[in-house]
N, C-alpha and C. Protein backbone atom coordinates (compact mmCIF):
# COMPACT_ATOMS: atom_id res chain seq x y z
N MET A 1 89.54 -29.09 -41.48
CA MET A 1 88.16 -29.72 -41.19
C MET A 1 87.41 -29.32 -40.30
N GLU A 2 86.52 -28.63 -40.22
CA GLU A 2 85.63 -28.10 -39.27
C GLU A 2 85.21 -28.96 -38.32
N THR A 3 84.99 -28.65 -37.23
CA THR A 3 84.40 -29.43 -35.70
C THR A 3 82.72 -28.69 -35.62
N GLN A 4 82.18 -29.51 -34.85
CA GLN A 4 80.90 -28.98 -34.56
C GLN A 4 81.24 -27.53 -33.61
N ASP A 5 82.25 -27.60 -32.62
CA ASP A 5 82.61 -26.44 -31.75
C ASP A 5 82.65 -25.17 -32.77
N SER A 6 83.64 -25.45 -33.58
CA SER A 6 84.22 -24.22 -34.99
C SER A 6 82.74 -23.61 -35.29
N ILE A 7 81.88 -24.45 -35.70
CA ILE A 7 80.73 -24.29 -36.32
C ILE A 7 79.83 -23.75 -35.40
N GLN A 8 79.73 -24.02 -34.38
CA GLN A 8 78.81 -23.11 -32.87
C GLN A 8 79.52 -21.84 -32.91
N ALA A 9 80.85 -21.66 -32.86
CA ALA A 9 81.55 -20.58 -32.53
C ALA A 9 81.18 -19.55 -33.65
N ARG A 10 81.04 -19.91 -34.75
CA ARG A 10 80.59 -19.14 -36.10
C ARG A 10 79.39 -18.66 -35.95
N ALA A 11 78.50 -19.66 -35.48
CA ALA A 11 77.11 -19.18 -35.37
C ALA A 11 76.81 -18.22 -34.21
N ALA A 12 77.54 -18.66 -33.26
CA ALA A 12 77.43 -17.24 -32.19
C ALA A 12 78.02 -16.04 -32.59
N ARG A 13 79.00 -16.06 -33.44
CA ARG A 13 79.44 -14.77 -33.34
C ARG A 13 78.64 -13.92 -34.23
N VAL A 14 77.91 -14.95 -35.65
CA VAL A 14 77.15 -13.83 -36.38
C VAL A 14 75.64 -13.89 -35.64
N GLN A 15 75.23 -14.40 -34.67
CA GLN A 15 73.96 -14.36 -33.66
C GLN A 15 74.34 -13.15 -33.03
N GLY A 16 75.82 -12.85 -32.28
CA GLY A 16 76.04 -11.68 -31.47
C GLY A 16 76.00 -10.44 -32.45
N ALA A 17 76.26 -10.68 -33.62
CA ALA A 17 76.32 -9.37 -34.50
C ALA A 17 75.09 -9.01 -34.68
N LEU A 18 74.24 -9.78 -35.32
CA LEU A 18 72.91 -9.56 -35.42
C LEU A 18 72.07 -9.05 -34.06
N ALA A 19 72.31 -9.36 -33.24
CA ALA A 19 71.59 -8.65 -31.90
C ALA A 19 72.32 -7.27 -31.66
N ALA A 20 73.44 -7.09 -31.97
CA ALA A 20 74.29 -5.73 -31.82
C ALA A 20 73.66 -4.88 -32.90
N ALA A 21 73.34 -5.30 -34.33
CA ALA A 21 72.96 -4.41 -35.24
C ALA A 21 71.63 -4.24 -35.09
N PHE A 22 70.88 -5.12 -35.08
CA PHE A 22 69.32 -5.07 -35.00
C PHE A 22 68.68 -5.35 -33.63
N GLY A 23 69.18 -5.60 -32.72
CA GLY A 23 68.38 -5.81 -31.31
C GLY A 23 67.84 -7.28 -31.60
N VAL A 24 68.27 -8.22 -32.04
CA VAL A 24 67.23 -9.44 -32.50
C VAL A 24 68.21 -10.32 -31.46
N ARG A 25 67.27 -10.94 -30.60
CA ARG A 25 67.31 -11.77 -29.44
C ARG A 25 67.01 -13.05 -29.76
N ALA A 26 67.66 -14.13 -29.86
CA ALA A 26 66.80 -15.63 -30.15
C ALA A 26 67.71 -16.53 -29.67
N LYS A 27 67.24 -17.73 -29.36
CA LYS A 27 67.89 -18.80 -28.92
C LYS A 27 69.01 -19.46 -29.91
N SER A 28 68.75 -19.38 -31.27
CA SER A 28 69.41 -20.22 -32.40
C SER A 28 69.76 -18.93 -33.57
N LEU A 29 70.62 -19.39 -34.68
CA LEU A 29 70.87 -18.46 -35.47
C LEU A 29 69.79 -18.59 -36.49
N GLU A 30 69.14 -19.61 -36.77
CA GLU A 30 67.97 -19.74 -37.54
C GLU A 30 66.98 -18.83 -36.98
N VAL A 31 66.58 -18.83 -35.80
CA VAL A 31 65.20 -18.21 -35.44
C VAL A 31 65.67 -16.45 -35.22
N ALA A 32 67.11 -16.30 -35.30
CA ALA A 32 67.62 -14.97 -35.48
C ALA A 32 67.42 -14.33 -36.64
N LEU A 33 67.57 -15.46 -37.60
CA LEU A 33 67.51 -14.93 -39.32
C LEU A 33 66.29 -14.56 -39.47
N ARG A 34 65.28 -15.39 -39.10
CA ARG A 34 63.96 -15.35 -39.43
C ARG A 34 63.46 -14.01 -38.71
N ARG A 35 63.89 -13.73 -37.53
CA ARG A 35 63.21 -12.32 -36.95
C ARG A 35 63.97 -11.17 -37.88
N THR A 36 65.17 -11.30 -37.81
CA THR A 36 65.82 -10.27 -38.91
C THR A 36 65.01 -9.93 -40.11
N GLY A 37 64.48 -10.76 -40.68
CA GLY A 37 63.80 -10.54 -41.80
C GLY A 37 64.44 -9.64 -43.15
N ARG A 38 63.91 -8.87 -43.45
CA ARG A 38 64.40 -7.84 -44.71
C ARG A 38 65.40 -7.07 -44.55
N ARG A 39 65.87 -6.84 -43.24
CA ARG A 39 66.92 -6.11 -43.01
C ARG A 39 68.14 -6.47 -43.17
N LEU A 40 68.36 -7.60 -43.79
CA LEU A 40 69.60 -8.57 -43.71
C LEU A 40 69.38 -8.60 -45.44
N PRO A 41 70.20 -8.08 -46.05
CA PRO A 41 70.24 -8.44 -47.52
C PRO A 41 70.26 -10.05 -48.08
N LYS A 42 69.40 -10.36 -49.09
CA LYS A 42 69.40 -11.68 -49.54
C LYS A 42 70.44 -12.56 -49.69
N ARG A 43 71.76 -11.88 -50.34
CA ARG A 43 72.72 -12.50 -50.63
C ARG A 43 73.49 -12.85 -49.00
N LEU A 44 73.46 -11.80 -48.09
CA LEU A 44 74.07 -12.23 -46.87
C LEU A 44 72.95 -13.39 -46.14
N HIS A 45 71.51 -12.95 -46.17
CA HIS A 45 70.94 -14.19 -45.57
C HIS A 45 71.21 -15.85 -46.16
N ALA A 46 71.47 -15.54 -47.66
CA ALA A 46 71.85 -16.87 -47.97
C ALA A 46 73.24 -17.45 -47.48
N GLU A 47 74.14 -16.78 -47.26
CA GLU A 47 75.39 -16.99 -46.86
C GLU A 47 75.01 -17.58 -45.01
N ALA A 48 74.26 -16.53 -44.52
CA ALA A 48 73.99 -17.36 -43.13
C ALA A 48 73.05 -18.45 -43.13
N LYS A 49 72.77 -19.07 -44.35
CA LYS A 49 71.72 -20.46 -44.23
C LYS A 49 72.63 -21.21 -44.58
N LYS A 50 73.85 -21.12 -45.05
CA LYS A 50 75.09 -22.01 -45.27
C LYS A 50 75.43 -22.33 -43.59
N ILE A 51 75.86 -21.39 -42.76
CA ILE A 51 76.04 -21.80 -41.27
C ILE A 51 75.24 -22.82 -40.78
N VAL A 52 73.77 -22.03 -40.84
CA VAL A 52 72.74 -22.99 -40.27
C VAL A 52 72.90 -24.26 -40.80
N ALA A 53 73.10 -24.58 -42.17
CA ALA A 53 72.96 -25.85 -42.84
C ALA A 53 74.12 -26.86 -42.15
N ALA A 54 75.24 -25.91 -42.02
CA ALA A 54 76.57 -26.65 -41.19
C ALA A 54 76.26 -27.03 -39.96
N GLN A 55 75.46 -26.20 -39.11
CA GLN A 55 74.96 -26.70 -37.84
C GLN A 55 74.32 -28.16 -37.80
N SER A 56 73.51 -28.35 -38.59
CA SER A 56 72.82 -29.39 -38.69
C SER A 56 73.43 -30.94 -39.12
N PHE A 57 74.59 -30.66 -39.69
CA PHE A 57 75.44 -31.61 -39.98
C PHE A 57 76.46 -31.92 -38.91
N GLY A 58 76.33 -31.25 -37.85
CA GLY A 58 77.37 -31.20 -36.63
C GLY A 58 77.38 -32.53 -35.87
N ALA A 59 76.27 -33.22 -35.85
CA ALA A 59 75.89 -34.43 -34.91
C ALA A 59 76.46 -35.73 -36.06
N HIS A 60 76.69 -35.34 -37.11
CA HIS A 60 77.19 -36.60 -37.87
C HIS A 60 78.64 -36.58 -38.58
N PRO A 61 79.32 -37.34 -38.05
CA PRO A 61 81.06 -36.91 -38.37
C PRO A 61 81.21 -37.22 -40.21
N ARG A 62 80.30 -37.89 -40.65
CA ARG A 62 80.69 -38.28 -41.83
C ARG A 62 80.12 -37.06 -42.82
N LEU A 63 78.92 -36.47 -42.36
CA LEU A 63 78.24 -35.30 -43.04
C LEU A 63 78.98 -34.44 -42.92
N MET A 64 80.10 -34.05 -41.71
CA MET A 64 80.86 -32.94 -41.29
C MET A 64 81.81 -32.76 -42.73
N ARG A 65 82.22 -33.77 -43.55
CA ARG A 65 83.30 -34.09 -44.45
C ARG A 65 82.82 -33.07 -45.48
N GLN A 66 81.51 -33.00 -45.67
CA GLN A 66 80.83 -31.88 -46.68
C GLN A 66 80.76 -30.56 -46.55
N VAL A 67 81.23 -30.35 -45.12
CA VAL A 67 80.93 -29.01 -45.05
C VAL A 67 82.67 -28.21 -45.40
N ASP A 68 82.20 -27.05 -46.06
CA ASP A 68 83.50 -26.30 -46.48
C ASP A 68 83.85 -25.37 -45.46
N GLY A 69 84.86 -25.40 -44.99
CA GLY A 69 85.42 -24.45 -43.77
C GLY A 69 85.72 -23.53 -44.38
N ALA A 70 86.38 -23.10 -45.61
CA ALA A 70 86.84 -21.88 -46.21
C ALA A 70 85.54 -20.97 -46.56
N ALA A 71 84.44 -21.79 -46.94
CA ALA A 71 83.22 -20.70 -47.45
C ALA A 71 82.39 -20.20 -46.20
N LEU A 72 82.47 -21.23 -45.20
CA LEU A 72 81.76 -20.53 -43.80
C LEU A 72 82.64 -19.61 -43.36
N SER A 73 84.17 -19.68 -43.58
CA SER A 73 84.69 -18.64 -42.82
C SER A 73 84.25 -17.26 -43.52
N LEU A 74 84.51 -17.45 -45.01
CA LEU A 74 83.91 -16.65 -45.94
C LEU A 74 82.63 -15.90 -45.53
N ALA A 75 81.81 -16.54 -45.47
CA ALA A 75 80.33 -16.12 -44.95
C ALA A 75 80.24 -15.38 -43.91
N GLU A 76 80.96 -15.93 -42.74
CA GLU A 76 80.92 -15.28 -41.25
C GLU A 76 81.61 -14.06 -41.40
N ASP A 77 82.58 -13.70 -42.10
CA ASP A 77 83.58 -12.37 -42.55
C ASP A 77 82.47 -11.37 -43.10
N ARG A 78 81.85 -11.78 -44.27
CA ARG A 78 80.68 -10.91 -44.98
C ARG A 78 79.61 -10.62 -44.09
N ILE A 79 79.34 -11.39 -43.17
CA ILE A 79 78.11 -11.11 -42.58
C ILE A 79 78.18 -10.14 -41.28
N VAL A 80 79.46 -10.42 -40.71
CA VAL A 80 80.21 -9.71 -39.51
C VAL A 80 80.27 -8.36 -39.94
N GLY A 81 81.05 -8.30 -41.19
CA GLY A 81 81.79 -6.88 -41.76
C GLY A 81 80.37 -6.14 -42.09
N PHE A 82 79.52 -6.58 -42.74
CA PHE A 82 77.97 -5.91 -42.97
C PHE A 82 77.49 -5.52 -41.65
N LEU A 83 77.26 -6.29 -40.87
CA LEU A 83 76.66 -5.89 -39.59
C LEU A 83 77.66 -4.87 -38.85
N SER A 84 78.66 -5.01 -38.68
CA SER A 84 79.58 -3.98 -37.89
C SER A 84 79.34 -2.62 -38.08
N GLY A 85 79.11 -2.40 -39.60
CA GLY A 85 79.01 -0.98 -40.42
C GLY A 85 77.47 -0.29 -40.13
N ILE A 86 76.67 -1.12 -39.47
CA ILE A 86 75.51 -0.32 -39.19
C ILE A 86 75.28 -0.06 -37.50
N ASP A 87 74.68 1.49 -37.90
CA ASP A 87 74.79 2.14 -36.55
C ASP A 87 73.37 2.50 -36.12
N ARG A 88 73.03 1.56 -34.75
CA ARG A 88 71.46 1.67 -34.56
C ARG A 88 71.24 3.08 -34.07
N ALA A 89 71.90 3.85 -33.29
CA ALA A 89 71.53 5.11 -33.29
C ALA A 89 71.20 5.95 -34.15
N ASP A 90 71.89 5.58 -35.48
CA ASP A 90 71.50 6.65 -36.81
C ASP A 90 70.52 6.17 -37.08
N ARG A 91 70.19 5.05 -37.41
CA ARG A 91 69.04 4.26 -37.82
C ARG A 91 67.63 4.93 -36.85
N ARG A 92 67.81 5.10 -35.68
CA ARG A 92 66.75 5.36 -34.71
C ARG A 92 66.38 6.62 -35.37
N LYS A 93 67.58 7.49 -35.17
CA LYS A 93 67.65 9.05 -35.65
C LYS A 93 66.87 9.36 -36.83
N GLY A 94 67.01 8.40 -37.97
CA GLY A 94 66.45 8.35 -39.27
C GLY A 94 65.02 8.28 -39.35
N MET A 95 64.71 7.41 -38.39
CA MET A 95 63.36 7.03 -38.04
C MET A 95 62.63 8.12 -37.64
N TRP A 96 63.10 8.84 -36.63
CA TRP A 96 62.46 9.68 -35.89
C TRP A 96 62.56 11.14 -37.02
N LEU A 97 63.48 11.43 -37.44
CA LEU A 97 63.40 12.28 -38.54
C LEU A 97 62.45 12.24 -39.74
N GLY A 98 61.89 10.96 -40.24
CA GLY A 98 61.12 10.45 -41.20
C GLY A 98 59.76 10.99 -40.56
N ILE A 99 59.54 10.27 -39.38
CA ILE A 99 58.27 10.90 -38.97
C ILE A 99 58.17 12.26 -38.67
N ALA A 100 58.91 12.93 -38.07
CA ALA A 100 58.73 14.56 -38.12
C ALA A 100 58.44 15.27 -39.32
N ALA A 101 59.30 14.45 -40.54
CA ALA A 101 58.89 14.93 -41.83
C ALA A 101 57.69 15.00 -42.16
N ALA A 102 56.96 13.72 -41.98
CA ALA A 102 55.93 13.55 -42.22
C ALA A 102 54.81 14.28 -41.82
N VAL A 103 55.13 14.05 -40.47
CA VAL A 103 54.14 15.32 -39.69
C VAL A 103 54.20 16.70 -40.12
N ALA A 104 55.30 17.36 -40.20
CA ALA A 104 55.47 18.38 -40.83
C ALA A 104 54.51 18.51 -42.42
N PHE A 105 54.84 17.91 -43.19
CA PHE A 105 54.43 17.96 -44.29
C PHE A 105 52.79 18.00 -44.38
N ASN A 106 52.22 16.87 -43.37
CA ASN A 106 50.59 16.81 -43.21
C ASN A 106 50.28 18.42 -42.66
N ILE A 107 51.06 18.95 -41.84
CA ILE A 107 50.43 20.22 -41.22
C ILE A 107 50.58 21.34 -42.20
N LEU A 108 51.72 21.15 -43.15
CA LEU A 108 51.70 22.28 -43.98
C LEU A 108 50.53 21.80 -45.25
N LEU A 109 50.14 20.78 -45.60
CA LEU A 109 49.17 20.81 -46.64
C LEU A 109 47.96 20.90 -45.85
N VAL A 110 47.53 20.82 -44.62
CA VAL A 110 46.35 21.17 -43.73
C VAL A 110 46.06 22.61 -44.10
N PHE A 111 47.29 23.46 -43.80
CA PHE A 111 47.53 24.79 -43.27
C PHE A 111 47.06 25.23 -45.04
N THR A 112 47.77 24.87 -46.09
CA THR A 112 47.38 25.03 -47.54
C THR A 112 45.83 24.99 -47.40
N ALA A 113 45.83 23.80 -47.40
CA ALA A 113 44.12 23.61 -48.00
C ALA A 113 43.27 24.44 -47.16
N VAL A 114 43.47 24.78 -45.77
CA VAL A 114 42.38 25.88 -45.23
C VAL A 114 42.64 27.53 -45.80
N ILE A 115 43.68 27.78 -46.27
CA ILE A 115 43.91 29.03 -46.61
C ILE A 115 43.32 29.23 -48.13
N VAL A 116 43.36 28.03 -48.97
CA VAL A 116 42.51 27.72 -50.32
C VAL A 116 41.34 28.01 -50.15
N TRP A 117 40.71 27.41 -49.15
CA TRP A 117 39.46 27.41 -49.06
C TRP A 117 38.94 28.48 -48.45
N MET A 118 39.89 29.47 -47.83
CA MET A 118 39.28 30.78 -47.10
C MET A 118 39.26 31.73 -48.42
N TRP A 119 40.12 31.59 -49.08
CA TRP A 119 40.46 32.43 -50.53
C TRP A 119 39.26 31.92 -51.36
N TRP A 120 38.62 30.74 -51.41
CA TRP A 120 37.62 30.45 -52.38
C TRP A 120 36.36 30.70 -52.02
N THR A 121 36.06 30.78 -50.80
CA THR A 121 34.88 31.14 -50.09
C THR A 121 34.55 32.75 -49.73
N GLY A 122 35.86 33.55 -49.96
CA GLY A 122 35.82 34.86 -49.85
C GLY A 122 36.20 35.52 -48.53
N ARG A 123 36.54 34.96 -48.03
CA ARG A 123 36.62 35.02 -46.29
C ARG A 123 38.40 35.38 -46.25
N LEU A 124 38.96 35.61 -47.22
CA LEU A 124 40.42 36.07 -47.10
C LEU A 124 40.71 37.38 -47.99
């Protein structure tokens, strides 16, 4: 049977993994999930919502009987497993490479347009 402490520990572990993977800092798991947005897949977002829902049952001993500990454990393992595979440095490098590629393409496009304009007006 799950306890309030074990559910809080699961939420803290998932929240720590979100902070490590995406740099999301929040006071609760629910706020951290909101700030994560689309960076977390829908299925994992739903799994995290199960942990948030279980946190709300924590103050009520009779409602705690409804919490499935095995499902929460599996959800926590899936989320942390996914987030541990994310490399922030690689994502940052990919972002900068994407920006550099867009700038290079725009420079090439402008250069080509100038050459075509010069050819068309007879200056080349």
